[in-house]
PDB file of N, CA and C in Angstrom:
ATOM      1  N   MET A   1      -9.965   4.695  -5.383  1.00  0.00           N
ATOM      2  CA  MET A   1     -10.539   3.472  -6.110  1.00  0.00           C
ATOM      3  C   MET A   1      -9.404   3.735  -7.025  1.00  0.00           C
ATOM      4  N   ILE A   2      -8.952   3.428  -7.981  1.00  0.00           N
ATOM      5  CA  ILE A   2      -8.116   3.218  -9.405  1.00  0.00           C
ATOM      6  C   ILE A   2      -8.862   3.266 -10.596  1.00  0.00           C
ATOM      7  N   ASP A   3      -8.762   4.040 -11.093  1.00  0.00           N
ATOM      8  CA  ASP A   3      -9.876   4.263 -12.330  1.00  0.00           C
ATOM      9  C   ASP A   3      -9.414   3.607 -13.534  1.00  0.00           C
ATOM     10  N   SER A   4      -8.094   3.714 -14.027  1.00  0.00           N
ATOM     11  CA  SER A   4      -7.622   2.985 -14.719  1.00  0.00           C
ATOM     12  C   SER A   4      -6.049   2.181 -15.138  1.00  0.00           C
ATOM     13  N   LEU A   5      -6.116   0.954 -14.631  1.00  0.00           N
ATOM     14  CA  LEU A   5      -4.745   0.606 -14.581  1.00  0.00           C
ATOM     15  C   LEU A   5      -3.505   0.798 -15.394  1.00  0.00           C
ATOM     16  N   GLU A   6      -4.161   1.491 -16.790  1.00  0.00           N
ATOM     17  CA  GLU A   6      -2.782   1.374 -17.747  1.00  0.00           C
ATOM     18  C   GLU A   6      -2.042   2.686 -17.540  1.00  0.00           C
ATOM     19  N   THR A   7      -2.369   3.343 -16.316  1.00  0.00           N
ATOM     20  CA  THR A   7      -1.170   4.990 -16.077  1.00  0.00           C
ATOM     21  C   THR A   7      -0.986   4.787 -14.346  1.00  0.00           C
ATOM     22  N   THR A   8      -1.045   3.614 -14.018  1.00  0.00           N
ATOM     23  CA  THR A   8      -0.623   3.405 -12.372  1.00  0.00           C
ATOM     24  C   THR A   8       1.095   3.430 -12.278  1.00  0.00           C
ATOM     25  N   ARG A   9       1.475   4.346 -11.873  1.00  0.00           N
ATOM     26  CA  ARG A   9       2.669   4.140 -11.672  1.00  0.00           C
ATOM     27  C   ARG A   9       3.341   3.790 -10.246  1.00  0.00           C
ATOM     28  N   CYS A  10       4.160   3.129  -9.627  1.00  0.00           N
ATOM     29  CA  CYS A  10       4.920   2.431  -8.406  1.00  0.00           C
ATOM     30  C   CYS A  10       5.026   4.374  -7.288  1.00  0.00           C
ATOM     31  N   SER A  11       5.033   3.843  -6.451  1.00  0.00           N
ATOM     32  CA  SER A  11       4.632   5.370  -5.572  1.00  0.00           C
ATOM     33  C   SER A  11       6.030   5.764  -5.071  1.00  0.00           C
ATOM     34  N   ARG A  12       7.239   5.076  -5.344  1.00  0.00           N
ATOM     35  CA  ARG A  12       8.439   4.626  -4.503  1.00  0.00           C
ATOM     36  C   ARG A  12       9.071   6.460  -5.015  1.00  0.00           C
ATOM     37  N   ALA A  13       9.567   6.883  -4.258  1.00  0.00           N
ATOM     38  CA  ALA A  13      10.510   8.724  -4.883  1.00  0.00           C
ATOM     39  C   ALA A  13      11.283   8.099  -6.114  1.00  0.00           C
ATOM     40  N   GLY A  14      11.020   8.814  -7.252  1.00  0.00           N
ATOM     41  CA  GLY A  14      11.732   8.344  -8.458  1.00  0.00           C
ATOM     42  C   GLY A  14      11.620   6.900  -9.473  1.00  0.00           C
ATOM     43  N   CYS A  15      10.658   5.887  -9.364  1.00  0.00           N
ATOM     44  CA  CYS A  15      10.560   5.367  -9.637  1.00  0.00           C
ATOM     45  C   CYS A  15       9.076   5.426 -10.798  1.00  0.00           C
ATOM     46  N   ARG A  16       9.436   5.159 -11.655  1.00  0.00           N
ATOM     47  CA  ARG A  16       8.824   5.476 -13.354  1.00  0.00           C
ATOM     48  C   ARG A  16       8.363   4.070 -13.357  1.00  0.00           C
ATOM     49  N   SER A  17       8.132   2.964 -13.184  1.00  0.00           N
ATOM     50  CA  SER A  17       7.585   1.689 -13.083  1.00  0.00           C
ATOM     51  C   SER A  17       6.203   1.398 -13.252  1.00  0.00           C
ATOM     52  N   ASP A  18       5.467   1.010 -13.709  1.00  0.00           N
ATOM     53  CA  ASP A  18       4.423   0.583 -13.589  1.00  0.00           C
ATOM     54  C   ASP A  18       3.687  -0.577 -12.048  1.00  0.00           C
ATOM     55  N   ALA A  19       2.897   0.304 -11.464  1.00  0.00           N
ATOM     56  CA  ALA A  19       2.347  -0.877 -10.515  1.00  0.00           C
ATOM     57  C   ALA A  19       1.947  -1.885 -10.770  1.00  0.00           C
ATOM     58  N   LEU A  20       2.192  -2.719  -9.744  1.00  0.00           N
ATOM     59  CA  LEU A  20       1.303  -4.390  -9.560  1.00  0.00           C
ATOM     60  C   LEU A  20       1.026  -4.963  -8.710  1.00  0.00           C
ATOM     61  N   TRP A  21       1.275  -4.095  -7.578  1.00  0.00           N
ATOM     62  CA  TRP A  21       1.239  -3.901  -6.403  1.00  0.00           C
ATOM     63  C   TRP A  21       0.167  -2.715  -5.495  1.00  0.00           C
ATOM     64  N   THR A  22      -1.415  -3.025  -4.505  1.00  0.00           N
ATOM     65  CA  THR A  22      -1.545  -2.336  -3.994  1.00  0.00           C
ATOM     66  C   THR A  22      -0.792  -1.978  -1.951  1.00  0.00           C
ATOM     67  N   VAL A  23      -0.420  -1.285  -1.752  1.00  0.00           N
ATOM     68  CA  VAL A  23      -0.005  -1.201  -0.428  1.00  0.00           C
ATOM     69  C   VAL A  23      -0.550  -0.807   0.034  1.00  0.00           C
ATOM     70  N   ALA A  24      -1.635  -1.195   0.819  1.00  0.00           N
ATOM     71  CA  ALA A  24      -2.413  -0.907   2.082  1.00  0.00           C
ATOM     72  C   ALA A  24      -2.327  -0.363   3.661  1.00  0.00           C
ATOM     73  N   TRP A  25      -2.471   0.525   3.872  1.00  0.00           N
ATOM     74  CA  TRP A  25      -2.268   1.352   5.165  1.00  0.00           C
ATOM     75  C   TRP A  25      -3.129   1.831   5.835  1.00  0.00           C
ATOM     76  N   ARG A  26      -2.462   2.271   6.991  1.00  0.00           N
ATOM     77  CA  ARG A  26      -2.858   3.115   7.824  1.00  0.00           C
ATOM     78  C   ARG A  26      -2.178   3.185   9.218  1.00  0.00           C
ATOM     79  N   ASN A  27      -2.163   4.600   9.695  1.00  0.00           N
ATOM     80  CA  ASN A  27      -2.228   4.834  10.592  1.00  0.00           C
ATOM     81  C   ASN A  27      -2.762   4.878  12.020  1.00  0.00           C
ATOM     82  N   PRO A  28      -2.808   3.617  12.964  1.00  0.00           N
ATOM     83  CA  PRO A  28      -3.352   3.669  14.326  1.00  0.00           C
ATOM     84  C   PRO A  28      -3.738   4.685  14.987  1.00  0.00           C
ATOM     85  N   ARG A  29      -2.889   5.630  14.755  1.00  0.00           N
ATOM     86  CA  ARG A  29      -3.283   6.523  15.894  1.00  0.00           C
ATOM     87  C   ARG A  29      -4.262   7.924  15.402  1.00  0.00           C
ATOM     88  N   ILE A  30      -4.296   7.424  14.301  1.00  0.00           N
ATOM     89  CA  ILE A  30      -5.320   8.659  13.977  1.00  0.00           C
ATOM     90  C   ILE A  30      -6.430   8.137  12.873  1.00  0.00           C
ATOM     91  N   HIS A  31      -6.485   6.502  12.558  1.00  0.00           N
ATOM     92  CA  HIS A  31      -7.324   6.525  11.809  1.00  0.00           C
ATOM     93  C   HIS A  31      -7.698   5.250  12.374  1.00  0.00           C
ATOM     94  N   SER A  32      -9.242   4.852  12.444  1.00  0.00           N
ATOM     95  CA  SER A  32      -9.741   3.667  12.279  1.00  0.00           C
ATOM     96  C   SER A  32      -9.718   2.801  11.512  1.00  0.00           C
ATOM     97  N   ALA A  33      -9.892   1.425  11.838  1.00  0.00           N
ATOM     98  CA  ALA A  33      -9.143   0.025  10.472  1.00  0.00           C
ATOM     99  C   ALA A  33     -10.193   0.320   8.891  1.00  0.00           C
ATOM    100  N   ASP A  34     -10.606   1.153   8.996  1.00  0.00           N
ATOM    101  CA  ASP A  34     -11.746   1.030   7.698  1.00  0.00           C
ATOM    102  C   ASP A  34     -10.854   2.464   7.468  1.00  0.00           C
ATOM    103  N   ARG A  35     -10.566   2.938   7.824  1.00  0.00           N
ATOM    104  CA  ARG A  35      -9.500   3.929   6.837  1.00  0.00           C
ATOM    105  C   ARG A  35      -8.530   3.451   6.506  1.00  0.00           C
ATOM    106  N   VAL A  36      -8.881   3.764   4.636  1.00  0.00           N
ATOM    107  CA  VAL A  36      -7.369   2.762   3.921  1.00  0.00           C
ATOM    108  C   VAL A  36      -6.904   3.688   3.317  1.00  0.00           C
ATOM    109  N   LYS A  37      -5.362   3.843   3.717  1.00  0.00           N
ATOM    110  CA  LYS A  37      -4.458   4.812   2.680  1.00  0.00           C
ATOM    111  C   LYS A  37      -4.164   3.775   1.561  1.00  0.00           C
ATOM    112  N   THR A  38      -3.753   4.373   0.178  1.00  0.00           N
ATOM    113  CA  THR A  38      -3.009   3.619  -0.852  1.00  0.00           C
ATOM    114  C   THR A  38      -2.069   4.523  -1.176  1.00  0.00           C
ATOM    115  N   TRP A  39      -0.536   3.230  -1.089  1.00  0.00           N
ATOM    116  CA  TRP A  39       0.336   3.765  -1.952  1.00  0.00           C
ATOM    117  C   TRP A  39       0.069   2.435  -2.665  1.00  0.00           C
ATOM    118  N   LEU A  40       1.222   2.763  -4.567  1.00  0.00           N
ATOM    119  CA  LEU A  40       0.969   1.395  -5.622  1.00  0.00           C
ATOM    120  C   LEU A  40       2.578   1.300  -5.787  1.00  0.00           C
ATOM    121  N   ALA A  41       3.173  -0.572  -6.340  1.00  0.00           N
ATOM    122  CA  ALA A  41       3.740  -0.451  -5.737  1.00  0.00           C
ATOM    123  C   ALA A  41       4.357  -1.423  -7.174  1.00  0.00           C
ATOM    124  N   CYS A  42       5.506  -1.050  -7.728  1.00  0.00           N
ATOM    125  CA  CYS A  42       6.325  -2.362  -9.306  1.00  0.00           C
ATOM    126  C   CYS A  42       6.788  -3.916  -8.235  1.00  0.00           C
ATOM    127  N   ASP A  43       6.801  -4.582  -8.398  1.00  0.00           N
ATOM    128  CA  ASP A  43       7.324  -5.316  -7.948  1.00  0.00           C
ATOM    129  C   ASP A  43       8.662  -5.306  -7.209  1.00  0.00           C
ATOM    130  N   GLU A  44       9.639  -4.025  -8.004  1.00  0.00           N
ATOM    131  CA  GLU A  44      10.773  -3.813  -7.332  1.00  0.00           C
ATOM    132  C   GLU A  44      10.951  -3.149  -6.151  1.00  0.00           C
ATOM    133  N   HIS A  45       9.767  -2.648  -5.637  1.00  0.00           N
ATOM    134  CA  HIS A  45      10.012  -1.637  -4.169  1.00  0.00           C
ATOM    135  C   HIS A  45       8.347  -1.904  -3.908  1.00  0.00           C
ATOM    136  N   ARG A  46       8.190  -3.311  -4.007  1.00  0.00           N
ATOM    137  CA  ARG A  46       6.885  -3.583  -2.973  1.00  0.00           C
ATOM    138  C   ARG A  46       7.534  -4.405  -2.079  1.00  0.00           C
ATOM    139  N   GLU A  47       8.265  -4.768  -0.900  1.00  0.00           N
ATOM    140  CA  GLU A  47       8.712  -5.051   0.021  1.00  0.00           C
ATOM    141  C   GLU A  47       8.784  -3.781   0.491  1.00  0.00           C
ATOM    142  N   TYR A  48      10.260  -3.012  -0.049  1.00  0.00           N
ATOM    143  CA  TYR A  48      10.642  -1.917   0.380  1.00  0.00           C
ATOM    144  C   TYR A  48       9.378  -0.725   0.931  1.00  0.00           C
ATOM    145  N   LEU A  49       8.404  -0.998   0.323  1.00  0.00           N
ATOM    146  CA  LEU A  49       7.561   0.307   0.475  1.00  0.00           C
ATOM    147  C   LEU A  49       6.340  -0.262   1.845  1.00  0.00           C
ATOM    148  N   ARG A  50       6.627  -1.566   1.434  1.00  0.00           N
ATOM    149  CA  ARG A  50       5.997  -2.250   2.756  1.00  0.00           C
ATOM    150  C   ARG A  50       6.732  -2.170   4.335  1.00  0.00           C
ATOM    151  N   ASP A  51       7.361  -2.197   3.877  1.00  0.00           N
ATOM    152  CA  ASP A  51       8.422  -2.620   5.153  1.00  0.00           C
ATOM    153  C   ASP A  51       8.994  -1.604   5.843  1.00  0.00           C
ATOM    154  N   TYR A  52       8.895  -0.134   5.016  1.00  0.00           N
ATOM    155  CA  TYR A  52       8.662   0.999   5.610  1.00  0.00           C
ATOM    156  C   TYR A  52       7.680   1.193   6.209  1.00  0.00           C
ATOM    157  N   LEU A  53       6.534   0.766   5.863  1.00  0.00           N
ATOM    158  CA  LEU A  53       5.247   1.464   6.766  1.00  0.00           C
ATOM    159  C   LEU A  53       5.561   0.349   8.188  1.00  0.00           C
ATOM    160  N   ALA A  54       5.575  -0.368   7.630  1.00  0.00           N
ATOM    161  CA  ALA A  54       5.823  -1.721   9.129  1.00  0.00           C
ATOM    162  C   ALA A  54       6.776  -1.704  10.418  1.00  0.00           C
ATOM    163  N   THR A  55       8.099  -0.965   9.612  1.00  0.00           N
ATOM    164  CA  THR A  55       9.083  -0.059  10.536  1.00  0.00           C
ATOM    165  C   THR A  55       8.385   1.085  11.359  1.00  0.00           C
ATOM    166  N   ARG A  56       7.682   1.560  10.897  1.00  0.00           N
ATOM    167  CA  ARG A  56       7.228   2.677  11.603  1.00  0.00           C
ATOM    168  C   ARG A  56       5.623   1.657  12.349  1.00  0.00           C
ATOM    169  N   GLY A  57       5.018   0.724  12.072  1.00  0.00           N
ATOM    170  CA  GLY A  57       4.624  -0.300  13.128  1.00  0.00           C
ATOM    171  C   GLY A  57       2.814   0.810  12.786  1.00  0.00           C
ATOM    172  N   PHE A  58       2.897   0.579  11.233  1.00  0.00           N
ATOM    173  CA  PHE A  58       1.849   1.140  11.068  1.00  0.00           C
ATOM    174  C   PHE A  58       1.161  -0.407  10.443  1.00  0.00           C
ATOM    175  N   PRO A  59      -0.309  -0.990  10.048  1.00  0.00           N
ATOM    176  CA  PRO A  59      -0.774  -1.829   9.877  1.00  0.00           C
ATOM    177  C   PRO A  59      -0.810  -1.540   8.234  1.00  0.00           C
ATOM    178  N   VAL A  60      -0.300  -3.016   7.935  1.00  0.00           N
ATOM    179  CA  VAL A  60       0.105  -2.698   6.242  1.00  0.00           C
ATOM    180  C   VAL A  60      -0.646  -4.236   5.374  1.00  0.00           C
ATOM    181  N   THR A  61      -1.302  -3.705   4.296  1.00  0.00           N
ATOM    182  CA  THR A  61      -0.823  -5.649   3.707  1.00  0.00           C
ATOM    183  C   THR A  61      -1.041  -5.108   2.080  1.00  0.00           C
ATOM    184  N   VAL A  62      -0.557  -6.136   1.427  1.00  0.00           N
ATOM    185  CA  VAL A  62       0.043  -5.555   0.291  1.00  0.00           C
ATOM    186  C   VAL A  62      -1.129  -6.894   0.099  1.00  0.00           C
ATOM    187  N   VAL A  63      -1.977  -5.984  -1.613  1.00  0.00           N
ATOM    188  CA  VAL A  63      -2.295  -6.839  -2.852  1.00  0.00           C
ATOM    189  C   VAL A  63      -2.438  -6.793  -4.305  1.00  0.00           C
ATOM    190  N   PRO A  64      -2.575  -7.901  -5.094  1.00  0.00           N
ATOM    191  CA  PRO A  64      -2.719  -6.773  -6.358  1.00  0.00           C
ATOM    192  C   PRO A  64      -3.256  -5.993  -7.213  1.00  0.00           C
ATOM    193  N   LEU A  65      -2.673  -5.599  -7.593  1.00  0.00           N
ATOM    194  CA  LEU A  65      -3.306  -4.383  -8.054  1.00  0.00           C
ATOM    195  C   LEU A  65      -4.456  -4.499  -8.652  1.00  0.00           C
ATOM    196  N   GLY A  66      -5.726  -3.812  -8.126  1.00  0.00           N
ATOM    197  CA  GLY A  66      -6.921  -3.968  -8.354  1.00  0.00           C
ATOM    198  C   GLY A  66      -8.081  -4.446  -7.508  1.00  0.00           C
ATOM    199  N   GLU A  67      -7.237  -5.263  -6.366  1.00  0.00           N
ATOM    200  CA  GLU A  67      -7.694  -5.804  -5.571  1.00  0.00           C
ATOM    201  C   GLU A  67      -8.493  -5.231  -4.399  1.00  0.00           C
ATOM    202  N   ILE A  68      -9.627  -4.992  -3.894  1.00  0.00           N
ATOM    203  CA  ILE A  68     -10.236  -3.818  -2.920  1.00  0.00           C
ATOM    204  C   ILE A  68     -10.139  -4.182  -1.618  1.00  0.00           C
ATOM    205  N   VAL A  69      -9.331  -3.149  -0.950  1.00  0.00           N
ATOM    206  CA  VAL A  69      -8.893  -2.987   0.720  1.00  0.00           C
ATOM    207  C   VAL A  69     -10.029  -2.797   1.385  1.00  0.00           C
ATOM    208  N   ASP A  70     -10.576  -3.167   2.036  1.00  0.00           N
ATOM    209  CA  ASP A  70     -12.260  -2.325   2.712  1.00  0.00           C
ATOM    210  C   ASP A  70     -11.361  -2.089   3.705  1.00  0.00           C
ATOM    211  N   ARG A  71     -10.660  -2.577   5.394  1.00  0.00           N
ATOM    212  CA  ARG A  71      -9.631  -2.749   6.072  1.00  0.00           C
ATOM    213  C   ARG A  71      -8.554  -2.466   6.571  1.00  0.00           C
ATOM    214  N   VAL A  72      -7.780  -2.017   7.473  1.00  0.00           N
ATOM    215  CA  VAL A  72      -5.869  -2.492   7.488  1.00  0.00           C
ATOM    216  C   VAL A  72      -6.049  -2.834   9.238  1.00  0.00           C
ATOM    217  N   PRO A  73      -6.577  -4.353   9.528  1.00  0.00           N
ATOM    218  CA  PRO A  73      -6.668  -4.049  11.094  1.00  0.00           C
ATOM    219  C   PRO A  73      -5.280  -3.936  11.435  1.00  0.00           C
ATOM    220  N   ASP A  74      -5.660  -3.580  12.665  1.00  0.00           N
ATOM    221  CA  ASP A  74      -3.846  -4.211  13.820  1.00  0.00           C
ATOM    222  C   ASP A  74      -3.654  -5.204  13.950  1.00  0.00           C
ATOM    223  N   GLY A  75      -2.331  -5.247  13.462  1.00  0.00           N
ATOM    224  CA  GLY A  75      -1.107  -6.067  13.401  1.00  0.00           C
ATOM    225  C   GLY A  75      -0.754  -6.973  12.427  1.00  0.00           C
ATOM    226  N   ALA A  76      -1.304  -6.266  11.012  1.00  0.00           N
ATOM    227  CA  ALA A  76      -1.507  -6.357   9.953  1.00  0.00           C
ATOM    228  C   ALA A  76      -0.260  -5.827   9.186  1.00  0.00           C
ATOM    229  N   GLY A  77       0.292  -7.208   8.054  1.00  0.00           N
ATOM    230  CA  GLY A  77       2.036  -6.671   8.053  1.00  0.00           C
ATOM    231  C   GLY A  77       2.914  -7.175   9.519  1.00  0.00           C
ATOM    232  N   GLN A  78       2.659  -7.251  10.221  1.00  0.00           N
ATOM    233  CA  GLN A  78       4.003  -7.418  11.790  1.00  0.00           C
ATOM    234  C   GLN A  78       4.318  -8.703  11.270  1.00  0.00           C
TER     235      GLN A  78
END
């Protein structure tokens, strides 16, 4: 869970921008739908990070920062 929205940074390597989005994903080969991993994204890198995961076949969903994602079902983001 994110404790402070003031200190969040985009997860894209080298990016120092404030995150505005949560990229929720999982690896279906090793995690069930209720195991959610989280990356943070700025506006510029939101689609890049989503596409990076989706291209690898990982279920992924993008929601505004602070919104809770409890599950990422198979087929999400495809």
